């Protein structure tokens, strides 16, 4: 059970309302995570700002962004984020079986993406550190310096949401990801 209630747009603190309205419009409802983040305008607006910067300046397509999120959610054992990003990954064109393979580290359908996800998995599990061989494998797979440095903000955003969900014990209000 969640430690804090889920705010609606009307019950949220005024400085959280615009971001919460925008997220409600994007997802069709106030998701539990967003309604809980609304308790602290700094939390909700920081989350929204990172999402906006990625949307405006990011280089990864939707499927790659969702795959990164699935890996980080798996490393962090965040059921909420693994479930949310399974839905996002499927909307971005990945099959259910691919989302499971991405989460468990067995994904090999696209060697280029697999190399990036290996780097993400290692980085998320080792506080940002990766072996030189993991970095080089991603470079050899065709990932640019821009992409390999950008991945850090995707990891950070997903660690942020994972940690938030663990902290407040967000209740799942979306379908659970297969295997959770």
N, C-alpha and C. Protein backbone atom coordinates (compact mmCIF):
# COMPACT_ATOMS: atom_id res chain seq x y z
N UNK A 1 0.83 -1.18 0.00
CA UNK A 1 0.00 0.00 0.00
C UNK A 1 0.88 1.24 0.00
N UNK A 2 0.51 2.21 -0.81
CA UNK A 2 1.29 3.44 -0.94
C UNK A 2 1.37 4.18 0.39
N UNK A 3 2.49 4.82 0.61
CA UNK A 3 2.70 5.59 1.83
C UNK A 3 2.04 6.96 1.80
N UNK A 4 1.75 7.45 0.60
CA UNK A 4 1.13 8.76 0.46
C UNK A 4 -0.03 8.67 -0.52
N UNK A 5 -1.02 9.54 -0.37
CA UNK A 5 -2.15 9.48 -1.31
C UNK A 5 -1.76 10.03 -2.69
N UNK A 6 -2.56 9.66 -3.66
CA UNK A 6 -2.39 10.12 -5.04
C UNK A 6 -3.20 11.40 -5.21
N UNK A 7 -2.53 12.48 -5.58
CA UNK A 7 -3.23 13.74 -5.84
C UNK A 7 -3.94 13.71 -7.18
N UNK A 8 -5.07 14.38 -7.25
CA UNK A 8 -5.70 14.73 -8.51
C UNK A 8 -5.17 16.10 -8.90
N UNK A 9 -5.50 16.54 -10.10
CA UNK A 9 -5.09 17.88 -10.51
C UNK A 9 -5.65 18.92 -9.53
N UNK A 10 -6.90 18.74 -9.10
CA UNK A 10 -7.54 19.70 -8.20
C UNK A 10 -6.97 19.70 -6.80
N UNK A 11 -6.52 18.54 -6.31
CA UNK A 11 -6.00 18.47 -4.94
C UNK A 11 -4.50 18.73 -4.84
N UNK A 12 -3.81 18.74 -5.97
CA UNK A 12 -2.35 18.94 -5.97
C UNK A 12 -1.99 20.36 -5.56
N UNK A 13 -0.82 20.53 -4.96
CA UNK A 13 -0.35 21.88 -4.69
C UNK A 13 -0.29 22.69 -5.99
N UNK A 14 -0.60 23.95 -5.92
CA UNK A 14 -0.67 24.81 -7.10
C UNK A 14 0.57 24.69 -8.00
N UNK A 15 1.79 24.71 -7.44
CA UNK A 15 2.97 24.62 -8.32
C UNK A 15 3.13 23.27 -9.05
N UNK A 16 2.35 22.28 -8.67
CA UNK A 16 2.40 20.98 -9.35
C UNK A 16 1.32 20.83 -10.41
N UNK A 17 0.33 21.70 -10.41
CA UNK A 17 -0.87 21.47 -11.23
C UNK A 17 -0.62 21.49 -12.73
N UNK A 18 0.17 22.43 -13.23
CA UNK A 18 0.40 22.48 -14.68
C UNK A 18 1.09 21.21 -15.18
N UNK A 19 2.13 20.77 -14.47
CA UNK A 19 2.83 19.56 -14.88
C UNK A 19 1.91 18.34 -14.77
N UNK A 20 1.10 18.30 -13.72
CA UNK A 20 0.20 17.17 -13.55
C UNK A 20 -0.88 17.16 -14.63
N UNK A 21 -1.39 18.34 -14.99
CA UNK A 21 -2.37 18.43 -16.09
C UNK A 21 -1.76 17.92 -17.39
N UNK A 22 -0.53 18.32 -17.67
CA UNK A 22 0.13 17.89 -18.91
C UNK A 22 0.33 16.37 -18.92
N UNK A 23 0.73 15.81 -17.79
CA UNK A 23 0.92 14.36 -17.72
C UNK A 23 -0.42 13.63 -17.82
N UNK A 24 -1.46 14.19 -17.23
CA UNK A 24 -2.79 13.60 -17.35
C UNK A 24 -3.24 13.59 -18.82
N UNK A 25 -2.98 14.66 -19.52
CA UNK A 25 -3.34 14.73 -20.94
C UNK A 25 -2.54 13.71 -21.76
N UNK A 26 -1.29 13.53 -21.43
CA UNK A 26 -0.43 12.60 -22.16
C UNK A 26 -0.85 11.14 -21.95
N UNK A 27 -1.21 10.79 -20.71
CA UNK A 27 -1.50 9.41 -20.38
C UNK A 27 -2.99 9.10 -20.25
N UNK A 28 -3.83 10.11 -20.38
CA UNK A 28 -5.27 9.89 -20.31
C UNK A 28 -5.83 9.83 -18.91
N UNK A 29 -4.98 9.87 -17.92
CA UNK A 29 -5.38 9.89 -16.52
C UNK A 29 -4.17 10.28 -15.69
N UNK A 30 -4.41 10.59 -14.43
CA UNK A 30 -3.30 10.83 -13.51
C UNK A 30 -2.82 9.45 -13.04
N UNK A 31 -1.64 9.09 -13.47
CA UNK A 31 -1.04 7.84 -13.00
C UNK A 31 -0.64 7.99 -11.53
N UNK A 32 -0.65 6.90 -10.81
CA UNK A 32 -0.30 6.96 -9.39
C UNK A 32 1.05 7.62 -9.15
N UNK A 33 2.04 7.26 -9.95
CA UNK A 33 3.37 7.85 -9.76
C UNK A 33 3.33 9.36 -9.87
N UNK A 34 2.61 9.88 -10.86
CA UNK A 34 2.55 11.33 -11.06
C UNK A 34 1.75 12.01 -9.96
N UNK A 35 0.64 11.40 -9.56
CA UNK A 35 -0.17 11.96 -8.48
C UNK A 35 0.56 11.97 -7.15
N UNK A 36 1.46 11.02 -6.97
CA UNK A 36 2.28 11.00 -5.75
C UNK A 36 3.42 12.00 -5.86
N UNK A 37 4.02 12.10 -7.02
CA UNK A 37 5.08 13.09 -7.22
C UNK A 37 4.57 14.51 -6.99
N UNK A 38 3.30 14.72 -7.26
CA UNK A 38 2.71 16.06 -7.14
C UNK A 38 2.76 16.61 -5.72
N UNK A 39 2.94 15.75 -4.72
CA UNK A 39 3.08 16.24 -3.34
C UNK A 39 4.22 17.25 -3.24
N UNK A 40 5.26 17.02 -4.00
CA UNK A 40 6.41 17.91 -3.99
C UNK A 40 6.59 18.52 -5.39
N UNK A 41 6.28 19.80 -5.53
CA UNK A 41 6.46 20.42 -6.85
C UNK A 41 7.87 20.24 -7.42
N UNK A 42 8.87 20.21 -6.57
CA UNK A 42 10.23 20.03 -7.08
C UNK A 42 10.39 18.65 -7.70
N UNK A 43 9.78 17.63 -7.11
CA UNK A 43 9.88 16.27 -7.65
C UNK A 43 9.16 16.17 -8.99
N UNK A 44 7.90 16.60 -9.01
CA UNK A 44 7.12 16.47 -10.25
C UNK A 44 7.68 17.34 -11.36
N UNK A 45 8.08 18.55 -11.05
CA UNK A 45 8.59 19.44 -12.09
C UNK A 45 9.98 19.04 -12.56
N UNK A 46 10.79 18.47 -11.69
CA UNK A 46 12.09 17.94 -12.12
C UNK A 46 11.89 16.78 -13.09
N UNK A 47 10.98 15.90 -12.75
CA UNK A 47 10.65 14.77 -13.62
C UNK A 47 10.16 15.27 -14.98
N UNK A 48 9.21 16.20 -14.96
CA UNK A 48 8.65 16.73 -16.20
C UNK A 48 9.72 17.45 -17.03
N UNK A 49 10.61 18.16 -16.36
CA UNK A 49 11.68 18.88 -17.07
C UNK A 49 12.64 17.91 -17.76
N UNK A 50 13.03 16.85 -17.07
CA UNK A 50 13.90 15.85 -17.71
C UNK A 50 13.21 15.20 -18.90
N UNK A 51 11.93 14.89 -18.75
CA UNK A 51 11.18 14.32 -19.87
C UNK A 51 11.17 15.29 -21.06
N UNK A 52 10.97 16.57 -20.77
CA UNK A 52 10.91 17.58 -21.83
C UNK A 52 12.26 17.74 -22.55
N UNK A 53 13.33 17.78 -21.79
CA UNK A 53 14.67 17.91 -22.38
C UNK A 53 14.97 16.71 -23.28
N UNK A 54 14.61 15.53 -22.82
CA UNK A 54 14.82 14.33 -23.64
C UNK A 54 13.99 14.41 -24.91
N UNK A 55 12.74 14.85 -24.79
CA UNK A 55 11.86 14.96 -25.97
C UNK A 55 12.41 15.96 -26.98
N UNK A 56 12.97 17.05 -26.49
CA UNK A 56 13.45 18.12 -27.38
C UNK A 56 14.83 17.84 -27.95
N UNK A 57 15.70 17.22 -27.17
CA UNK A 57 17.10 17.12 -27.59
C UNK A 57 17.65 15.70 -27.70
N UNK A 58 16.88 14.72 -27.27
CA UNK A 58 17.37 13.34 -27.26
C UNK A 58 17.52 12.78 -28.66
N UNK A 59 18.42 11.80 -28.77
CA UNK A 59 18.70 11.20 -30.06
C UNK A 59 18.12 9.79 -30.21
N UNK A 60 17.66 9.19 -29.11
CA UNK A 60 17.16 7.82 -29.17
C UNK A 60 15.71 7.79 -29.60
N UNK A 61 15.35 6.77 -30.39
CA UNK A 61 13.95 6.58 -30.75
C UNK A 61 13.19 6.01 -29.55
N UNK A 62 11.87 5.96 -29.68
CA UNK A 62 11.02 5.54 -28.57
C UNK A 62 11.35 4.12 -28.10
N UNK A 63 11.58 3.21 -29.02
CA UNK A 63 11.86 1.83 -28.64
C UNK A 63 13.16 1.74 -27.84
N UNK A 64 14.17 2.49 -28.23
CA UNK A 64 15.45 2.48 -27.50
C UNK A 64 15.27 3.09 -26.12
N UNK A 65 14.55 4.20 -26.03
CA UNK A 65 14.29 4.82 -24.72
C UNK A 65 13.57 3.85 -23.79
N UNK A 66 12.58 3.16 -24.32
CA UNK A 66 11.82 2.22 -23.49
C UNK A 66 12.68 1.02 -23.10
N UNK A 67 13.53 0.56 -24.00
CA UNK A 67 14.42 -0.56 -23.69
C UNK A 67 15.38 -0.17 -22.57
N UNK A 68 15.92 1.03 -22.64
CA UNK A 68 16.80 1.52 -21.56
C UNK A 68 16.04 1.51 -20.24
N UNK A 69 14.82 2.03 -20.26
CA UNK A 69 14.01 2.10 -19.04
C UNK A 69 13.71 0.71 -18.49
N UNK A 70 13.45 -0.25 -19.38
CA UNK A 70 13.19 -1.62 -18.93
C UNK A 70 14.41 -2.23 -18.23
N UNK A 71 15.58 -1.98 -18.78
CA UNK A 71 16.80 -2.50 -18.17
C UNK A 71 17.00 -1.88 -16.79
N UNK A 72 16.89 -0.56 -16.70
CA UNK A 72 17.11 0.11 -15.41
C UNK A 72 16.07 -0.34 -14.40
N UNK A 73 14.82 -0.44 -14.81
CA UNK A 73 13.77 -0.90 -13.91
C UNK A 73 14.03 -2.31 -13.41
N UNK A 74 14.59 -3.16 -14.28
CA UNK A 74 14.91 -4.52 -13.88
C UNK A 74 16.07 -4.54 -12.89
N UNK A 75 17.11 -3.78 -13.18
CA UNK A 75 18.27 -3.72 -12.28
C UNK A 75 17.82 -3.22 -10.91
N UNK A 76 16.95 -2.23 -10.91
CA UNK A 76 16.48 -1.62 -9.67
C UNK A 76 15.29 -2.35 -9.05
N UNK A 77 14.80 -3.40 -9.72
CA UNK A 77 13.68 -4.19 -9.23
C UNK A 77 12.44 -3.33 -8.97
N UNK A 78 12.15 -2.42 -9.90
CA UNK A 78 10.98 -1.56 -9.78
C UNK A 78 9.85 -2.13 -10.63
N UNK A 79 8.91 -2.77 -9.98
CA UNK A 79 7.78 -3.39 -10.68
C UNK A 79 6.93 -2.35 -11.40
N UNK A 80 6.74 -1.19 -10.77
CA UNK A 80 5.92 -0.15 -11.39
C UNK A 80 6.55 0.29 -12.72
N UNK A 81 7.83 0.60 -12.70
CA UNK A 81 8.48 1.09 -13.92
C UNK A 81 8.62 0.00 -14.97
N UNK A 82 8.89 -1.22 -14.56
CA UNK A 82 8.95 -2.30 -15.54
C UNK A 82 7.60 -2.48 -16.22
N UNK A 83 6.53 -2.33 -15.47
CA UNK A 83 5.19 -2.45 -16.03
C UNK A 83 4.87 -1.29 -16.95
N UNK A 84 5.15 -0.07 -16.49
CA UNK A 84 4.87 1.12 -17.30
C UNK A 84 5.67 1.10 -18.60
N UNK A 85 6.93 0.73 -18.51
CA UNK A 85 7.78 0.76 -19.70
C UNK A 85 7.55 -0.45 -20.60
N UNK A 86 6.97 -1.51 -20.08
CA UNK A 86 6.53 -2.60 -20.96
C UNK A 86 5.42 -2.09 -21.86
N UNK A 87 4.48 -1.35 -21.28
CA UNK A 87 3.41 -0.75 -22.10
C UNK A 87 3.99 0.20 -23.13
N UNK A 88 4.93 1.05 -22.70
CA UNK A 88 5.56 2.00 -23.62
C UNK A 88 6.35 1.31 -24.72
N UNK A 89 7.05 0.25 -24.36
CA UNK A 89 7.85 -0.48 -25.35
C UNK A 89 6.95 -1.15 -26.38
N UNK A 90 5.84 -1.71 -25.92
CA UNK A 90 4.90 -2.32 -26.86
C UNK A 90 4.31 -1.26 -27.78
N UNK A 91 4.00 -0.09 -27.24
CA UNK A 91 3.48 1.00 -28.07
C UNK A 91 4.54 1.48 -29.08
N UNK A 92 5.82 1.31 -28.73
CA UNK A 92 6.92 1.71 -29.62
C UNK A 92 7.29 0.61 -30.61
N UNK A 93 6.58 -0.51 -30.57
CA UNK A 93 6.80 -1.55 -31.57
C UNK A 93 7.51 -2.80 -31.10
N UNK A 94 7.88 -2.88 -29.85
CA UNK A 94 8.53 -4.10 -29.35
C UNK A 94 7.48 -5.12 -28.95
N UNK A 95 7.77 -6.38 -29.19
CA UNK A 95 6.87 -7.47 -28.82
C UNK A 95 7.02 -7.78 -27.33
N UNK A 96 6.01 -8.35 -26.75
CA UNK A 96 6.04 -8.72 -25.33
C UNK A 96 7.27 -9.56 -25.02
N UNK A 97 7.56 -10.54 -25.88
CA UNK A 97 8.72 -11.43 -25.67
C UNK A 97 10.02 -10.62 -25.65
N UNK A 98 10.09 -9.60 -26.50
CA UNK A 98 11.29 -8.76 -26.53
C UNK A 98 11.43 -7.98 -25.22
N UNK A 99 10.31 -7.49 -24.68
CA UNK A 99 10.39 -6.73 -23.43
C UNK A 99 10.88 -7.60 -22.28
N UNK A 100 10.46 -8.85 -22.27
CA UNK A 100 10.91 -9.78 -21.24
C UNK A 100 12.41 -10.06 -21.41
N UNK A 101 12.83 -10.29 -22.63
CA UNK A 101 14.25 -10.56 -22.91
C UNK A 101 15.11 -9.34 -22.58
N UNK A 102 14.62 -8.16 -22.86
CA UNK A 102 15.37 -6.94 -22.51
C UNK A 102 15.53 -6.86 -21.00
N UNK A 103 14.45 -7.12 -20.28
CA UNK A 103 14.52 -7.04 -18.82
C UNK A 103 15.46 -8.07 -18.24
N UNK A 104 15.43 -9.30 -18.76
CA UNK A 104 16.24 -10.35 -18.13
C UNK A 104 17.66 -10.44 -18.69
N UNK A 105 17.98 -9.60 -19.67
CA UNK A 105 19.35 -9.56 -20.19
C UNK A 105 19.64 -10.56 -21.29
N UNK A 106 18.61 -11.21 -21.83
CA UNK A 106 18.85 -12.20 -22.88
C UNK A 106 18.52 -11.68 -24.29
N UNK A 107 18.19 -10.41 -24.42
CA UNK A 107 17.80 -9.83 -25.72
C UNK A 107 18.97 -9.88 -26.70
N UNK A 108 18.72 -10.45 -27.87
CA UNK A 108 19.76 -10.53 -28.91
C UNK A 108 19.20 -10.24 -30.30
N UNK A 109 17.94 -9.79 -30.41
CA UNK A 109 17.32 -9.56 -31.72
C UNK A 109 18.08 -8.53 -32.55
N UNK A 110 18.66 -7.55 -31.89
CA UNK A 110 19.39 -6.47 -32.56
C UNK A 110 20.72 -6.32 -31.82
N UNK A 111 21.82 -6.83 -32.40
CA UNK A 111 23.11 -6.79 -31.71
C UNK A 111 23.55 -5.37 -31.30
N UNK A 112 23.19 -4.38 -32.11
CA UNK A 112 23.57 -3.00 -31.79
C UNK A 112 22.86 -2.57 -30.51
N UNK A 113 21.55 -2.78 -30.45
CA UNK A 113 20.80 -2.42 -29.24
C UNK A 113 21.25 -3.26 -28.06
N UNK A 114 21.51 -4.53 -28.27
CA UNK A 114 21.97 -5.40 -27.19
C UNK A 114 23.27 -4.88 -26.56
N UNK A 115 24.17 -4.35 -27.37
CA UNK A 115 25.42 -3.79 -26.85
C UNK A 115 25.15 -2.56 -25.98
N UNK A 116 24.23 -1.72 -26.41
CA UNK A 116 23.88 -0.54 -25.61
C UNK A 116 23.23 -0.96 -24.30
N UNK A 117 22.34 -1.93 -24.37
CA UNK A 117 21.64 -2.37 -23.16
C UNK A 117 22.59 -3.05 -22.17
N UNK A 118 23.61 -3.71 -22.66
CA UNK A 118 24.62 -4.29 -21.77
C UNK A 118 25.35 -3.18 -21.02
N UNK A 119 25.64 -2.09 -21.72
CA UNK A 119 26.28 -0.95 -21.09
C UNK A 119 25.34 -0.33 -20.05
N UNK A 120 24.08 -0.18 -20.39
CA UNK A 120 23.09 0.39 -19.46
C UNK A 120 22.97 -0.49 -18.22
N UNK A 121 22.87 -1.79 -18.42
CA UNK A 121 22.73 -2.73 -17.29
C UNK A 121 23.93 -2.62 -16.35
N UNK A 122 25.11 -2.60 -16.93
CA UNK A 122 26.32 -2.52 -16.11
C UNK A 122 26.38 -1.18 -15.39
N UNK A 123 26.10 -0.10 -16.10
CA UNK A 123 26.14 1.24 -15.50
C UNK A 123 25.12 1.39 -14.37
N UNK A 124 23.90 0.94 -14.61
CA UNK A 124 22.86 1.06 -13.59
C UNK A 124 23.17 0.23 -12.35
N UNK A 125 23.83 -0.88 -12.55
CA UNK A 125 24.15 -1.76 -11.43
C UNK A 125 25.44 -1.43 -10.71
N UNK A 126 26.25 -0.55 -11.30
CA UNK A 126 27.56 -0.25 -10.72
C UNK A 126 27.76 1.26 -10.53
N UNK A 127 26.70 1.95 -10.23
CA UNK A 127 26.73 3.38 -9.93
C UNK A 127 27.46 4.17 -11.03
N UNK A 128 27.16 3.82 -12.26
CA UNK A 128 27.69 4.55 -13.41
C UNK A 128 28.95 3.97 -14.03
N UNK A 129 29.62 3.09 -13.34
CA UNK A 129 30.85 2.51 -13.86
C UNK A 129 30.55 1.41 -14.88
N UNK A 130 31.39 1.37 -15.92
CA UNK A 130 31.35 0.27 -16.89
C UNK A 130 32.78 -0.12 -17.22
N UNK A 131 32.93 -1.37 -17.54
CA UNK A 131 34.24 -1.87 -17.95
C UNK A 131 34.60 -1.28 -19.31
N UNK A 132 35.89 -1.11 -19.57
CA UNK A 132 36.33 -0.63 -20.88
C UNK A 132 35.81 -1.52 -22.00
N UNK A 133 35.78 -2.82 -21.76
CA UNK A 133 35.33 -3.76 -22.80
C UNK A 133 33.84 -3.55 -23.12
N UNK A 134 33.04 -3.20 -22.11
CA UNK A 134 31.61 -2.95 -22.34
C UNK A 134 31.44 -1.67 -23.15
N UNK A 135 32.19 -0.63 -22.80
CA UNK A 135 32.16 0.62 -23.54
C UNK A 135 32.58 0.37 -25.00
N UNK A 136 33.67 -0.34 -25.17
CA UNK A 136 34.20 -0.59 -26.52
C UNK A 136 33.23 -1.42 -27.34
N UNK A 137 32.56 -2.38 -26.72
CA UNK A 137 31.57 -3.18 -27.45
C UNK A 137 30.43 -2.30 -27.97
N UNK A 138 30.03 -1.30 -27.18
CA UNK A 138 28.98 -0.38 -27.64
C UNK A 138 29.50 0.50 -28.77
N UNK A 139 30.73 0.96 -28.67
CA UNK A 139 31.34 1.76 -29.75
C UNK A 139 31.45 0.90 -31.01
N UNK A 140 31.92 -0.31 -30.86
CA UNK A 140 32.08 -1.21 -32.01
C UNK A 140 30.73 -1.54 -32.65
N UNK A 141 29.66 -1.50 -31.86
CA UNK A 141 28.32 -1.77 -32.38
C UNK A 141 27.75 -0.57 -33.14
N UNK A 142 28.45 0.57 -33.06
CA UNK A 142 28.02 1.74 -33.83
C UNK A 142 27.43 2.88 -33.03
N UNK A 143 27.49 2.82 -31.70
CA UNK A 143 26.95 3.91 -30.90
C UNK A 143 27.98 5.04 -30.83
N UNK A 144 27.52 6.26 -31.00
CA UNK A 144 28.39 7.44 -31.02
C UNK A 144 28.68 7.93 -29.60
N UNK A 145 29.68 8.80 -29.50
CA UNK A 145 29.98 9.44 -28.21
C UNK A 145 28.76 10.20 -27.69
N UNK A 146 28.04 10.86 -28.58
CA UNK A 146 26.83 11.59 -28.19
C UNK A 146 25.82 10.64 -27.56
N UNK A 147 25.57 9.53 -28.21
CA UNK A 147 24.59 8.56 -27.71
C UNK A 147 25.04 7.92 -26.40
N UNK A 148 26.32 7.59 -26.33
CA UNK A 148 26.83 6.93 -25.13
C UNK A 148 26.87 7.87 -23.93
N UNK A 149 27.03 9.16 -24.16
CA UNK A 149 26.95 10.09 -23.04
C UNK A 149 25.51 10.43 -22.71
N UNK A 150 24.65 10.51 -23.73
CA UNK A 150 23.23 10.77 -23.49
C UNK A 150 22.58 9.68 -22.65
N UNK A 151 23.05 8.47 -22.78
CA UNK A 151 22.45 7.36 -22.04
C UNK A 151 22.45 7.64 -20.55
N UNK A 152 23.41 8.44 -20.07
CA UNK A 152 23.48 8.72 -18.64
C UNK A 152 22.23 9.45 -18.13
N UNK A 153 21.66 10.35 -18.93
CA UNK A 153 20.46 11.06 -18.47
C UNK A 153 19.25 10.13 -18.48
N UNK A 154 19.20 9.19 -19.41
CA UNK A 154 18.12 8.21 -19.43
C UNK A 154 18.20 7.29 -18.20
N UNK A 155 19.41 6.87 -17.89
CA UNK A 155 19.60 6.05 -16.69
C UNK A 155 19.21 6.85 -15.45
N UNK A 156 19.67 8.10 -15.36
CA UNK A 156 19.38 8.93 -14.19
C UNK A 156 17.88 9.14 -14.02
N UNK A 157 17.18 9.45 -15.10
CA UNK A 157 15.73 9.65 -15.03
C UNK A 157 15.04 8.39 -14.53
N UNK A 158 15.45 7.25 -15.04
CA UNK A 158 14.81 6.00 -14.63
C UNK A 158 15.19 5.59 -13.22
N UNK A 159 16.41 5.83 -12.80
CA UNK A 159 16.76 5.60 -11.41
C UNK A 159 15.93 6.50 -10.49
N UNK A 160 15.74 7.74 -10.89
CA UNK A 160 14.93 8.70 -10.14
C UNK A 160 13.52 8.15 -9.93
N UNK A 161 12.87 7.71 -11.00
CA UNK A 161 11.50 7.22 -10.86
C UNK A 161 11.47 5.89 -10.10
N UNK A 162 12.45 5.02 -10.33
CA UNK A 162 12.50 3.76 -9.59
C UNK A 162 12.64 4.02 -8.10
N UNK A 163 13.56 4.89 -7.74
CA UNK A 163 13.80 5.17 -6.32
C UNK A 163 12.57 5.84 -5.70
N UNK A 164 11.94 6.73 -6.45
CA UNK A 164 10.73 7.37 -5.95
C UNK A 164 9.66 6.31 -5.66
N UNK A 165 9.44 5.40 -6.59
CA UNK A 165 8.44 4.35 -6.39
C UNK A 165 8.76 3.46 -5.20
N UNK A 166 10.03 3.15 -5.01
CA UNK A 166 10.41 2.35 -3.84
C UNK A 166 10.17 3.15 -2.55
N UNK A 167 10.50 4.41 -2.56
CA UNK A 167 10.37 5.26 -1.37
C UNK A 167 8.92 5.37 -0.91
N UNK A 168 8.01 5.64 -1.85
CA UNK A 168 6.62 5.87 -1.47
C UNK A 168 5.74 4.63 -1.65
N UNK A 169 6.32 3.56 -2.15
CA UNK A 169 5.61 2.30 -2.38
C UNK A 169 4.37 2.50 -3.27
N UNK A 170 4.62 3.06 -4.45
CA UNK A 170 3.56 3.34 -5.42
C UNK A 170 2.79 2.07 -5.76
N UNK A 171 1.47 2.15 -5.66
CA UNK A 171 0.60 1.04 -6.05
C UNK A 171 0.49 0.98 -7.56
N UNK A 172 0.50 -0.22 -8.08
CA UNK A 172 0.39 -0.44 -9.52
C UNK A 172 -1.03 -0.13 -9.99
N UNK A 173 -1.15 0.80 -10.92
CA UNK A 173 -2.46 1.17 -11.49
C UNK A 173 -2.51 0.92 -12.99
N UNK A 174 -1.60 0.08 -13.45
CA UNK A 174 -1.49 -0.33 -14.85
C UNK A 174 -1.28 -1.85 -14.85
N UNK A 175 -1.44 -2.50 -15.99
CA UNK A 175 -1.21 -3.96 -16.01
C UNK A 175 0.23 -4.31 -15.64
N UNK A 176 0.39 -5.34 -14.85
CA UNK A 176 1.72 -5.79 -14.46
C UNK A 176 2.46 -6.36 -15.67
N UNK A 177 3.75 -6.11 -15.72
CA UNK A 177 4.58 -6.68 -16.78
C UNK A 177 4.63 -8.19 -16.64
N UNK A 178 4.72 -8.91 -17.74
CA UNK A 178 4.81 -10.37 -17.67
C UNK A 178 6.01 -10.79 -16.81
N UNK A 179 5.78 -11.77 -15.96
CA UNK A 179 6.87 -12.32 -15.16
C UNK A 179 7.13 -11.62 -13.86
N UNK A 180 6.39 -10.58 -13.55
CA UNK A 180 6.62 -9.90 -12.26
C UNK A 180 5.80 -10.54 -11.18
